[in-house]
Every structure is written in structure tokens, then in C-alpha cells.
Amino acid sequence: MLGWRIAGDTNAISILDIVRFVSRSRHFSKPGLALTPPVFYMLLSLSARDRHGYEILKDVLATSAERVRLGPGTLYTTLKRMLEAGLIIELDGHSRPDQHDSRRRYYRLTRQGHAVLNAELSRMKDALRLAGRHRLTAS
């Protein structure tokens, strides 16, 4: 294993262990924390139907009115973290046989993914209600 360890200490935590821990998407399950725009729009995209990576990328761009542009690194890193967090699953087969391409990986939102998306939408709704009470409006 790579990382820094104190000589002879088998219980030491390596830098790699810390990076792995910090990069895990545990915050998806914490109520009240806002999702990042890429995660929000990717969950929203998958709530409509199963999609492959490039289709998610195009849908996020369209539904965000081109405000969220995903590069391949962001797209696939976020997909990996969402898979690890149990928000999505990768489909073994293909859910749309009319457009089968064995090179593409298709993803589906899980129940937990739906719950996280609904919690985020509820948080946004509450934020808008609060802003309305303070007579703030979106421009």
C-alpha cells in the first residue's frame, strides 16, 4: 500500500487511507447539506430514465440551461462516487434495446438516489419559501 506510515506501526493510517475516506460520498446521506450542481443535475437526469454517460452529459447541459458543463473527468468521477454511495447502479444489460451499444455503460437511479434527489428538492423548496418571506426574488 502506498502512503506514509510510521516504521513498525501496523495500525497507522496512510495518506492514501485519508484520501479514500475524505473522497467517499458520505455527505449524500446527510440531511440538509446541498448537493453539488453536477450531482444534482445528474440525479435529475437519471430520474427521467436510464442513461449512458454521454447522454447524461448532454442532458445536464440542456436542463441546466448550459450553466453546468461536465467534462469527462467530472462526469465519470461523480458517477463512481454516486455508485459507491448507492445512489445509482450500473446496469448489467441494456435497458433500451433499440439503442444497444456494448461500449456504453448505462446507469439507473436507486431508491436511495430518488430519496436524496427528493430531499434536495425539498431543501430547495424550503430555501425559496424562506427567501420569499424575506422578499427576496431570483433574478
C-alpha atoms as a PDB file:
ATOM      1  CA  MET A   1       0.000   0.000   0.000  1.00  0.00           C
ATOM      2  CA  LEU A   2       1.219   3.460  -0.821  1.00  0.00           C
ATOM      3  CA  GLY A   3       1.295   6.172   1.774  1.00  0.00           C
ATOM      4  CA  TRP A   4       3.176   7.335   4.817  1.00  0.00           C
ATOM      5  CA  ARG A   5       3.480   5.046   7.808  1.00  0.00           C
ATOM      6  CA  ILE A   6       5.487   5.162  10.976  1.00  0.00           C
ATOM      7  CA  ALA A   7       8.053   2.373  10.881  1.00  0.00           C
ATOM      8  CA  GLY A   8       6.820  -0.691  12.752  1.00  0.00           C
ATOM      9  CA  ASP A   9       3.312   0.715  13.320  1.00  0.00           C
ATOM     10  CA  THR A  10       0.817  -1.610  11.619  1.00  0.00           C
ATOM     11  CA  ASN A  11      -2.162   0.413  12.885  1.00  0.00           C
ATOM     12  CA  ALA A  12      -1.041   3.728  11.354  1.00  0.00           C
ATOM     13  CA  ILE A  13      -3.266   5.456   8.847  1.00  0.00           C
ATOM     14  CA  SER A  14      -1.737   6.182   5.476  1.00  0.00           C
ATOM     15  CA  ILE A  15      -2.286   9.319   3.420  1.00  0.00           C
ATOM     16  CA  LEU A  16      -3.993   7.096   0.848  1.00  0.00           C
ATOM     17  CA  ASP A  17      -6.416   5.908   3.564  1.00  0.00           C
ATOM     18  CA  ILE A  18      -7.240   9.521   4.418  1.00  0.00           C
ATOM     19  CA  VAL A  19      -7.787  10.466   0.759  1.00  0.00           C
ATOM     20  CA  ARG A  20     -10.053   7.455   0.245  1.00  0.00           C
ATOM     21  CA  PHE A  21     -12.049   8.325   3.366  1.00  0.00           C
ATOM     22  CA  VAL A  22     -12.415  12.010   2.524  1.00  0.00           C
ATOM     23  CA  SER A  23     -13.330  11.357  -1.116  1.00  0.00           C
ATOM     24  CA  ARG A  24     -16.143   8.980  -0.211  1.00  0.00           C
ATOM     25  CA  SER A  25     -19.541  10.441  -0.843  1.00  0.00           C
ATOM     26  CA  ARG A  26     -20.888  10.043   2.671  1.00  0.00           C
ATOM     27  CA  HIS A  27     -22.285  13.586   2.550  1.00  0.00           C
ATOM     28  CA  PHE A  28     -25.012  12.381   0.155  1.00  0.00           C
ATOM     29  CA  SER A  29     -26.844  10.901   3.112  1.00  0.00           C
ATOM     30  CA  LYS A  30     -26.532  13.878   5.469  1.00  0.00           C
ATOM     31  CA  PRO A  31     -29.826  15.773   5.589  1.00  0.00           C
ATOM     32  CA  GLY A  32     -29.674  19.487   4.926  1.00  0.00           C
ATOM     33  CA  LEU A  33     -26.404  19.516   3.008  1.00  0.00           C
ATOM     34  CA  ALA A  34     -26.775  20.849  -0.518  1.00  0.00           C
ATOM     35  CA  LEU A  35     -25.736  18.629  -3.393  1.00  0.00           C
ATOM     36  CA  THR A  36     -23.179  19.973  -5.827  1.00  0.00           C
ATOM     37  CA  PRO A  37     -24.650  21.134  -9.150  1.00  0.00           C
ATOM     38  CA  PRO A  38     -23.133  18.176 -11.073  1.00  0.00           C
ATOM     39  CA  VAL A  39     -24.605  15.646  -8.619  1.00  0.00           C
ATOM     40  CA  PHE A  40     -27.994  17.365  -8.556  1.00  0.00           C
ATOM     41  CA  TYR A  41     -28.327  17.580 -12.338  1.00  0.00           C
ATOM     42  CA  MET A  42     -27.006  14.044 -12.853  1.00  0.00           C
ATOM     43  CA  LEU A  43     -29.567  12.650 -10.379  1.00  0.00           C
ATOM     44  CA  LEU A  44     -32.258  14.719 -12.073  1.00  0.00           C
ATOM     45  CA  SER A  45     -31.216  13.343 -15.462  1.00  0.00           C
ATOM     46  CA  LEU A  46     -31.356   9.752 -14.247  1.00  0.00           C
ATOM     47  CA  SER A  47     -34.740  10.320 -12.588  1.00  0.00           C
ATOM     48  CA  ALA A  48     -36.255  10.578 -16.072  1.00  0.00           C
ATOM     49  CA  ARG A  49     -34.761   7.321 -17.442  1.00  0.00           C
ATOM     50  CA  ASP A  50     -31.692   5.112 -17.598  1.00  0.00           C
ATOM     51  CA  ARG A  51     -28.855   6.798 -19.466  1.00  0.00           C
ATOM     52  CA  HIS A  52     -25.263   6.294 -20.531  1.00  0.00           C
ATOM     53  CA  GLY A  53     -22.504   8.751 -19.610  1.00  0.00           C
ATOM     54  CA  TYR A  54     -22.531  10.897 -22.744  1.00  0.00           C
ATOM     55  CA  GLU A  55     -26.323  11.083 -22.672  1.00  0.00           C
ATOM     56  CA  ILE A  56     -26.163  12.260 -19.034  1.00  0.00           C
ATOM     57  CA  LEU A  57     -23.578  14.885 -20.027  1.00  0.00           C
ATOM     58  CA  LYS A  58     -25.824  16.235 -22.818  1.00  0.00           C
ATOM     59  CA  ASP A  59     -28.950  16.194 -20.640  1.00  0.00           C
ATOM     60  CA  VAL A  60     -27.226  18.044 -17.774  1.00  0.00           C
ATOM     61  CA  LEU A  61     -26.083  20.728 -20.198  1.00  0.00           C
ATOM     62  CA  ALA A  62     -29.623  21.111 -21.595  1.00  0.00           C
ATOM     63  CA  THR A  63     -31.549  21.005 -18.298  1.00  0.00           C
ATOM     64  CA  SER A  64     -29.160  23.434 -16.615  1.00  0.00           C
ATOM     65  CA  ALA A  65     -29.554  25.924 -19.478  1.00  0.00           C
ATOM     66  CA  GLU A  66     -25.838  25.348 -20.192  1.00  0.00           C
ATOM     67  CA  ARG A  67     -24.825  26.565 -16.708  1.00  0.00           C
ATOM     68  CA  VAL A  68     -23.398  23.170 -15.726  1.00  0.00           C
ATOM     69  CA  ARG A  69     -20.816  21.820 -18.153  1.00  0.00           C
ATOM     70  CA  LEU A  70     -19.430  18.422 -17.245  1.00  0.00           C
ATOM     71  CA  GLY A  71     -16.072  17.351 -18.532  1.00  0.00           C
ATOM     72  CA  PRO A  72     -15.324  13.629 -18.764  1.00  0.00           C
ATOM     73  CA  GLY A  73     -13.290  13.705 -15.538  1.00  0.00           C
ATOM     74  CA  THR A  74     -16.099  15.285 -13.516  1.00  0.00           C
ATOM     75  CA  LEU A  75     -18.732  13.070 -15.133  1.00  0.00           C
ATOM     76  CA  TYR A  76     -17.032   9.735 -14.506  1.00  0.00           C
ATOM     77  CA  THR A  77     -15.627  10.650 -11.082  1.00  0.00           C
ATOM     78  CA  THR A  78     -19.097  11.742  -9.973  1.00  0.00           C
ATOM     79  CA  LEU A  79     -20.676   8.585 -11.428  1.00  0.00           C
ATOM     80  CA  LYS A  80     -18.139   6.498  -9.489  1.00  0.00           C
ATOM     81  CA  ARG A  81     -18.894   8.331  -6.227  1.00  0.00           C
ATOM     82  CA  MET A  82     -22.634   8.031  -6.785  1.00  0.00           C
ATOM     83  CA  LEU A  83     -22.196   4.291  -7.405  1.00  0.00           C
ATOM     84  CA  GLU A  84     -20.168   3.952  -4.177  1.00  0.00           C
ATOM     85  CA  ALA A  85     -22.834   5.886  -2.253  1.00  0.00           C
ATOM     86  CA  GLY A  86     -25.602   3.634  -3.600  1.00  0.00           C
ATOM     87  CA  LEU A  87     -27.418   6.467  -5.390  1.00  0.00           C
ATOM     88  CA  ILE A  88     -27.186   4.782  -8.781  1.00  0.00           C
ATOM     89  CA  ILE A  89     -26.448   1.341 -10.184  1.00  0.00           C
ATOM     90  CA  GLU A  90     -24.706   0.324 -13.369  1.00  0.00           C
ATOM     91  CA  LEU A  91     -26.954  -1.886 -15.463  1.00  0.00           C
ATOM     92  CA  ASP A  92     -25.631  -5.317 -16.462  1.00  0.00           C
ATOM     93  CA  GLY A  93     -27.707  -5.427 -19.596  1.00  0.00           C
ATOM     94  CA  HIS A  94     -29.069  -2.578 -21.584  1.00  0.00           C
ATOM     95  CA  SER A  95     -32.414  -1.021 -20.686  1.00  0.00           C
ATOM     96  CA  ARG A  96     -33.068   0.348 -24.180  1.00  0.00           C
ATOM     97  CA  PRO A  97     -32.548  -2.477 -26.709  1.00  0.00           C
ATOM     98  CA  ASP A  98     -33.362  -0.147 -29.622  1.00  0.00           C
ATOM     99  CA  GLN A  99     -30.117   1.749 -28.969  1.00  0.00           C
ATOM    100  CA  HIS A 100     -27.762  -1.048 -27.873  1.00  0.00           C
ATOM    101  CA  ASP A 101     -24.066  -0.234 -27.930  1.00  0.00           C
ATOM    102  CA  SER A 102     -21.886  -2.642 -25.952  1.00  0.00           C
ATOM    103  CA  ARG A 103     -19.262   0.082 -25.348  1.00  0.00           C
ATOM    104  CA  ARG A 104     -21.661   2.212 -23.343  1.00  0.00           C
ATOM    105  CA  ARG A 105     -22.387   1.776 -19.660  1.00  0.00           C
ATOM    106  CA  TYR A 106     -25.913   2.586 -18.597  1.00  0.00           C
ATOM    107  CA  TYR A 107     -26.907   3.860 -15.169  1.00  0.00           C
ATOM    108  CA  ARG A 108     -30.143   3.803 -13.173  1.00  0.00           C
ATOM    109  CA  LEU A 109     -31.238   5.793 -10.129  1.00  0.00           C
ATOM    110  CA  THR A 110     -31.797   3.669  -6.998  1.00  0.00           C
ATOM    111  CA  ARG A 111     -34.439   4.193  -4.302  1.00  0.00           C
ATOM    112  CA  GLN A 112     -31.760   5.872  -2.217  1.00  0.00           C
ATOM    113  CA  GLY A 113     -30.902   8.094  -5.198  1.00  0.00           C
ATOM    114  CA  HIS A 114     -34.559   9.092  -5.526  1.00  0.00           C
ATOM    115  CA  ALA A 115     -34.686   9.827  -1.786  1.00  0.00           C
ATOM    116  CA  VAL A 116     -31.568  12.025  -1.956  1.00  0.00           C
ATOM    117  CA  LEU A 117     -32.929  13.886  -5.000  1.00  0.00           C
ATOM    118  CA  ASN A 118     -36.304  14.411  -3.297  1.00  0.00           C
ATOM    119  CA  ALA A 119     -34.569  15.647  -0.136  1.00  0.00           C
ATOM    120  CA  GLU A 120     -32.568  18.136  -2.211  1.00  0.00           C
ATOM    121  CA  LEU A 121     -35.718  19.353  -3.985  1.00  0.00           C
ATOM    122  CA  SER A 122     -37.406  19.759  -0.595  1.00  0.00           C
ATOM    123  CA  ARG A 123     -34.390  21.698   0.723  1.00  0.00           C
ATOM    124  CA  MET A 124     -34.545  23.982  -2.329  1.00  0.00           C
ATOM    125  CA  LYS A 125     -38.288  24.486  -1.878  1.00  0.00           C
ATOM    126  CA  ASP A 126     -37.739  25.445   1.780  1.00  0.00           C
ATOM    127  CA  ALA A 127     -34.967  27.869   0.762  1.00  0.00           C
ATOM    128  CA  LEU A 128     -37.272  29.536  -1.780  1.00  0.00           C
ATOM    129  CA  ARG A 129     -40.051  29.792   0.798  1.00  0.00           C
ATOM    130  CA  LEU A 130     -37.647  31.419   3.263  1.00  0.00           C
ATOM    131  CA  ALA A 131     -36.380  33.820   0.587  1.00  0.00           C
ATOM    132  CA  GLY A 132     -39.976  34.743  -0.203  1.00  0.00           C
ATOM    133  CA  ARG A 133     -40.609  35.610   3.433  1.00  0.00           C
ATOM    134  CA  HIS A 134     -37.654  37.970   3.247  1.00  0.00           C
ATOM    135  CA  ARG A 135     -38.988  39.356  -0.033  1.00  0.00           C
ATOM    136  CA  LEU A 136     -36.013  38.111  -1.999  1.00  0.00           C
ATOM    137  CA  THR A 137     -36.503  37.046  -5.590  1.00  0.00           C
ATOM    138  CA  ALA A 138     -34.429  35.171  -8.097  1.00  0.00           C
ATOM    139  CA  SER A 139     -33.136  37.289 -10.936  1.00  0.00           C
END
